[in-house]
Amino acid sequence: MIWDPKEVLADFATVAQLAGETLVESDIRIEELPAPHAPPSRLPAGNMAVYVFSLGGDVLKVGKVGPKSQARYTSQHYNPGSARSTLAASIIEDAARIGLSDAECAEIGSWIRTNVDRVNILIPANRGAPVLTLLESFLQCRLRPRYEGFRSQRG
């Protein structure tokens, strides 16, 4: 992983302050899951999160989950058919560029767990959806994930 979560979140604290939100260090918890990683088994009670998937120095996806989005947080991104937009589906669609074989695509969840880093940024749910959305948007602007938005919107 090339980006430094602590450095990026220190900058986010300034952005949040400009938006009228004061964040203290205890408001944000970082979980770094380097490859190979095990997906989280659950979103901790009373929390919401922004997560970042990266492959080497390439950030692939930034997403957010509210306190009631267990499946999105724990499993959907590892299964291409589990939701409308998943990391797994995006990687399969881009398999030739990444250099994945048909066998690797068939086991994409395993491939992601083995090869992709994940960072979870947890914040208390009582901070509210606007703070969660601001953090996700800030990280998307800062990290420029490859698979963000619809294919037609990607740069």
C-alpha atoms as a PDB file:
ATOM      1  CA  MET A   1       0.000   0.000   0.000  1.00  0.00           C
ATOM      2  CA  ILE A   2       1.432   3.354  -1.031  1.00  0.00           C
ATOM      3  CA  TRP A   3      -0.962   5.748   0.707  1.00  0.00           C
ATOM      4  CA  ASP A   4      -0.666   6.435   4.429  1.00  0.00           C
ATOM      5  CA  PRO A   5      -4.068   6.245   6.168  1.00  0.00           C
ATOM      6  CA  LYS A   6      -2.918   8.289   9.190  1.00  0.00           C
ATOM      7  CA  GLU A   7      -1.578  11.098   7.006  1.00  0.00           C
ATOM      8  CA  VAL A   8      -4.694  11.163   4.832  1.00  0.00           C
ATOM      9  CA  LEU A   9      -6.988  11.184   7.878  1.00  0.00           C
ATOM     10  CA  ALA A  10      -5.039  14.041   9.459  1.00  0.00           C
ATOM     11  CA  ASP A  11      -5.827  16.043   6.316  1.00  0.00           C
ATOM     12  CA  PHE A  12      -9.451  14.910   6.503  1.00  0.00           C
ATOM     13  CA  ALA A  13      -9.709  16.324  10.028  1.00  0.00           C
ATOM     14  CA  THR A  14      -8.978  19.758   8.528  1.00  0.00           C
ATOM     15  CA  VAL A  15     -11.638  19.265   5.849  1.00  0.00           C
ATOM     16  CA  ALA A  16     -14.158  18.149   8.474  1.00  0.00           C
ATOM     17  CA  GLN A  17     -13.355  21.202  10.595  1.00  0.00           C
ATOM     18  CA  LEU A  18     -13.985  23.461   7.583  1.00  0.00           C
ATOM     19  CA  ALA A  19     -17.377  21.739   7.311  1.00  0.00           C
ATOM     20  CA  GLY A  20     -18.124  22.517  10.966  1.00  0.00           C
ATOM     21  CA  GLU A  21     -17.270  19.055  12.338  1.00  0.00           C
ATOM     22  CA  THR A  22     -14.599  18.642  14.978  1.00  0.00           C
ATOM     23  CA  LEU A  23     -13.104  15.165  15.000  1.00  0.00           C
ATOM     24  CA  VAL A  24     -10.895  13.919  17.794  1.00  0.00           C
ATOM     25  CA  GLU A  25      -8.454  11.051  17.400  1.00  0.00           C
ATOM     26  CA  SER A  26     -10.754   8.664  19.250  1.00  0.00           C
ATOM     27  CA  ASP A  27     -13.531   9.304  16.678  1.00  0.00           C
ATOM     28  CA  ILE A  28     -11.638   7.427  13.975  1.00  0.00           C
ATOM     29  CA  ARG A  29     -10.269   3.891  14.101  1.00  0.00           C
ATOM     30  CA  ILE A  30      -8.114   2.499  11.311  1.00  0.00           C
ATOM     31  CA  GLU A  31      -7.961  -1.223  10.561  1.00  0.00           C
ATOM     32  CA  GLU A  32      -5.281  -2.151   8.051  1.00  0.00           C
ATOM     33  CA  LEU A  33      -5.777  -5.569   6.449  1.00  0.00           C
ATOM     34  CA  PRO A  34      -2.797  -6.204   4.162  1.00  0.00           C
ATOM     35  CA  ALA A  35      -2.980  -9.007   1.601  1.00  0.00           C
ATOM     36  CA  PRO A  36      -3.570 -11.782   2.199  1.00  0.00           C
ATOM     37  CA  HIS A  37      -6.449 -10.678   4.382  1.00  0.00           C
ATOM     38  CA  ALA A  38      -9.623 -12.066   5.901  1.00  0.00           C
ATOM     39  CA  PRO A  39     -12.678  -9.868   5.342  1.00  0.00           C
ATOM     40  CA  PRO A  40     -14.182  -8.478   8.526  1.00  0.00           C
ATOM     41  CA  SER A  41     -16.790 -10.751  10.054  1.00  0.00           C
ATOM     42  CA  ARG A  42     -19.041  -7.855  11.026  1.00  0.00           C
ATOM     43  CA  LEU A  43     -19.276  -4.097  11.244  1.00  0.00           C
ATOM     44  CA  PRO A  44     -18.769  -3.264  14.924  1.00  0.00           C
ATOM     45  CA  ALA A  45     -21.995  -2.194  16.641  1.00  0.00           C
ATOM     46  CA  GLY A  46     -22.543   1.545  16.742  1.00  0.00           C
ATOM     47  CA  ASN A  47     -20.135   2.218  13.879  1.00  0.00           C
ATOM     48  CA  MET A  48     -20.193   3.131  10.236  1.00  0.00           C
ATOM     49  CA  ALA A  49     -17.205   2.827   7.941  1.00  0.00           C
ATOM     50  CA  VAL A  50     -15.385   3.843   4.821  1.00  0.00           C
ATOM     51  CA  TYR A  51     -13.241   1.119   3.266  1.00  0.00           C
ATOM     52  CA  VAL A  52     -10.451   1.263   0.713  1.00  0.00           C
ATOM     53  CA  PHE A  53      -9.268  -1.620  -1.463  1.00  0.00           C
ATOM     54  CA  SER A  54      -5.860  -1.326  -3.146  1.00  0.00           C
ATOM     55  CA  LEU A  55      -3.559  -3.468  -5.232  1.00  0.00           C
ATOM     56  CA  GLY A  56       0.035  -2.374  -4.823  1.00  0.00           C
ATOM     57  CA  GLY A  57       0.025   1.385  -5.313  1.00  0.00           C
ATOM     58  CA  ASP A  58      -3.262   1.343  -7.224  1.00  0.00           C
ATOM     59  CA  VAL A  59      -6.380   2.206  -5.216  1.00  0.00           C
ATOM     60  CA  LEU A  60      -9.220   0.143  -6.653  1.00  0.00           C
ATOM     61  CA  LYS A  61     -12.340   1.120  -4.721  1.00  0.00           C
ATOM     62  CA  VAL A  62     -13.497   3.398  -1.915  1.00  0.00           C
ATOM     63  CA  GLY A  63     -16.897   2.744  -0.389  1.00  0.00           C
ATOM     64  CA  LYS A  64     -18.994   3.494   2.658  1.00  0.00           C
ATOM     65  CA  VAL A  65     -21.415   1.608   4.851  1.00  0.00           C
ATOM     66  CA  GLY A  66     -23.868   2.774   7.454  1.00  0.00           C
ATOM     67  CA  PRO A  67     -24.429   0.959  10.727  1.00  0.00           C
ATOM     68  CA  LYS A  68     -26.970  -1.463   9.201  1.00  0.00           C
ATOM     69  CA  SER A  69     -24.968  -2.511   6.117  1.00  0.00           C
ATOM     70  CA  GLN A  70     -23.362  -5.722   7.317  1.00  0.00           C
ATOM     71  CA  ALA A  71     -23.341  -7.580   3.985  1.00  0.00           C
ATOM     72  CA  ARG A  72     -21.873  -4.633   2.092  1.00  0.00           C
ATOM     73  CA  TYR A  73     -19.096  -4.374   4.662  1.00  0.00           C
ATOM     74  CA  THR A  74     -18.284  -8.057   5.091  1.00  0.00           C
ATOM     75  CA  SER A  75     -18.949  -9.958   1.880  1.00  0.00           C
ATOM     76  CA  GLN A  76     -20.518  -8.256  -1.136  1.00  0.00           C
ATOM     77  CA  HIS A  77     -17.281  -6.915  -2.639  1.00  0.00           C
ATOM     78  CA  TYR A  78     -15.840 -10.446  -2.777  1.00  0.00           C
ATOM     79  CA  ASN A  79     -18.775 -11.828  -4.810  1.00  0.00           C
ATOM     80  CA  PRO A  80     -19.496 -10.394  -8.289  1.00  0.00           C
ATOM     81  CA  GLY A  81     -23.207 -11.229  -8.245  1.00  0.00           C
ATOM     82  CA  SER A  82     -24.067 -10.090  -4.738  1.00  0.00           C
ATOM     83  CA  ALA A  83     -24.924  -6.443  -5.447  1.00  0.00           C
ATOM     84  CA  ARG A  84     -25.130  -3.864  -8.252  1.00  0.00           C
ATOM     85  CA  SER A  85     -21.573  -2.608  -7.933  1.00  0.00           C
ATOM     86  CA  THR A  86     -18.861  -4.754  -6.367  1.00  0.00           C
ATOM     87  CA  LEU A  87     -15.102  -4.810  -6.435  1.00  0.00           C
ATOM     88  CA  ALA A  88     -15.245  -8.416  -7.655  1.00  0.00           C
ATOM     89  CA  ALA A  89     -17.385  -7.538 -10.686  1.00  0.00           C
ATOM     90  CA  SER A  90     -15.179  -4.567 -11.545  1.00  0.00           C
ATOM     91  CA  ILE A  91     -12.010  -6.672 -11.411  1.00  0.00           C
ATOM     92  CA  ILE A  92     -13.547  -9.402 -13.582  1.00  0.00           C
ATOM     93  CA  GLU A  93     -14.593  -6.772 -16.126  1.00  0.00           C
ATOM     94  CA  ASP A  94     -10.973  -5.527 -16.124  1.00  0.00           C
ATOM     95  CA  ALA A  95      -9.348  -8.996 -15.973  1.00  0.00           C
ATOM     96  CA  ALA A  96      -7.303  -8.646 -19.160  1.00  0.00           C
ATOM     97  CA  ARG A  97      -5.722  -5.398 -17.979  1.00  0.00           C
ATOM     98  CA  ILE A  98      -4.843  -6.908 -14.609  1.00  0.00           C
ATOM     99  CA  GLY A  99      -3.676 -10.155 -16.195  1.00  0.00           C
ATOM    100  CA  LEU A 100      -6.137 -12.528 -14.552  1.00  0.00           C
ATOM    101  CA  SER A 101      -6.825 -15.971 -15.945  1.00  0.00           C
ATOM    102  CA  ASP A 102     -10.303 -17.449 -16.328  1.00  0.00           C
ATOM    103  CA  ALA A 103      -9.552 -19.667 -13.319  1.00  0.00           C
ATOM    104  CA  GLU A 104      -8.659 -16.638 -11.188  1.00  0.00           C
ATOM    105  CA  CYS A 105     -11.838 -14.873 -12.306  1.00  0.00           C
ATOM    106  CA  ALA A 106     -13.867 -17.945 -11.347  1.00  0.00           C
ATOM    107  CA  GLU A 107     -12.425 -17.679  -7.821  1.00  0.00           C
ATOM    108  CA  ILE A 108     -12.346 -13.883  -7.664  1.00  0.00           C
ATOM    109  CA  GLY A 109     -13.244 -13.669  -3.975  1.00  0.00           C
ATOM    110  CA  SER A 110     -10.244 -15.788  -3.100  1.00  0.00           C
ATOM    111  CA  TRP A 111      -8.053 -13.775  -5.469  1.00  0.00           C
ATOM    112  CA  ILE A 112      -9.120 -10.516  -3.769  1.00  0.00           C
ATOM    113  CA  ARG A 113      -8.430 -11.891  -0.291  1.00  0.00           C
ATOM    114  CA  THR A 114      -4.994 -13.129  -1.420  1.00  0.00           C
ATOM    115  CA  ASN A 115      -3.839 -10.118  -3.450  1.00  0.00           C
ATOM    116  CA  VAL A 116      -5.695  -6.976  -2.416  1.00  0.00           C
ATOM    117  CA  ASP A 117      -5.076  -4.793   0.650  1.00  0.00           C
ATOM    118  CA  ARG A 118      -8.039  -3.411   2.568  1.00  0.00           C
ATOM    119  CA  VAL A 119      -8.223  -0.508   4.999  1.00  0.00           C
ATOM    120  CA  ASN A 120     -11.332   0.048   7.106  1.00  0.00           C
ATOM    121  CA  ILE A 121     -11.899   3.456   8.652  1.00  0.00           C
ATOM    122  CA  LEU A 122     -14.466   3.199  11.413  1.00  0.00           C
ATOM    123  CA  ILE A 123     -16.311   6.150  12.892  1.00  0.00           C
ATOM    124  CA  PRO A 124     -19.107   6.234  15.477  1.00  0.00           C
ATOM    125  CA  ALA A 125     -22.554   6.137  13.881  1.00  0.00           C
ATOM    126  CA  ASN A 126     -23.650   9.072  16.024  1.00  0.00           C
ATOM    127  CA  ARG A 127     -21.328  11.330  13.977  1.00  0.00           C
ATOM    128  CA  GLY A 128     -23.987  11.040  11.260  1.00  0.00           C
ATOM    129  CA  ALA A 129     -24.273  10.292   7.570  1.00  0.00           C
ATOM    130  CA  PRO A 130     -22.941  13.694   6.418  1.00  0.00           C
ATOM    131  CA  VAL A 131     -19.562  13.007   8.076  1.00  0.00           C
ATOM    132  CA  LEU A 132     -19.485   9.508   6.551  1.00  0.00           C
ATOM    133  CA  THR A 133     -20.281  10.886   3.089  1.00  0.00           C
ATOM    134  CA  LEU A 134     -17.693  13.658   3.462  1.00  0.00           C
ATOM    135  CA  LEU A 135     -15.019  11.107   4.397  1.00  0.00           C
ATOM    136  CA  GLU A 136     -15.888   8.860   1.441  1.00  0.00           C
ATOM    137  CA  SER A 137     -15.875  11.803  -0.981  1.00  0.00           C
ATOM    138  CA  PHE A 138     -12.595  13.131   0.401  1.00  0.00           C
ATOM    139  CA  LEU A 139     -10.936   9.727   0.005  1.00  0.00           C
ATOM    140  CA  GLN A 140     -12.302   9.314  -3.515  1.00  0.00           C
ATOM    141  CA  CYS A 141     -10.903  12.718  -4.510  1.00  0.00           C
ATOM    142  CA  ARG A 142      -7.574  12.135  -2.774  1.00  0.00           C
ATOM    143  CA  LEU A 143      -6.959   8.507  -3.756  1.00  0.00           C
ATOM    144  CA  ARG A 144      -8.599   8.432  -7.217  1.00  0.00           C
ATOM    145  CA  PRO A 145      -9.832   4.810  -7.146  1.00  0.00           C
ATOM    146  CA  ARG A 146      -9.864   2.954 -10.462  1.00  0.00           C
ATOM    147  CA  TYR A 147     -13.365   1.473 -10.037  1.00  0.00           C
ATOM    148  CA  GLU A 148     -15.406   4.365  -8.732  1.00  0.00           C
ATOM    149  CA  GLY A 149     -18.794   5.319 -10.130  1.00  0.00           C
ATOM    150  CA  PHE A 150     -20.188   4.029 -13.384  1.00  0.00           C
ATOM    151  CA  ARG A 151     -17.765   2.968 -16.104  1.00  0.00           C
ATOM    152  CA  SER A 152     -18.735   6.031 -18.202  1.00  0.00           C
ATOM    153  CA  GLN A 153     -17.778   8.339 -15.285  1.00  0.00           C
ATOM    154  CA  ARG A 154     -14.290   6.938 -14.756  1.00  0.00           C
ATOM    155  CA  GLY A 155     -11.291   8.979 -15.815  1.00  0.00           C
END
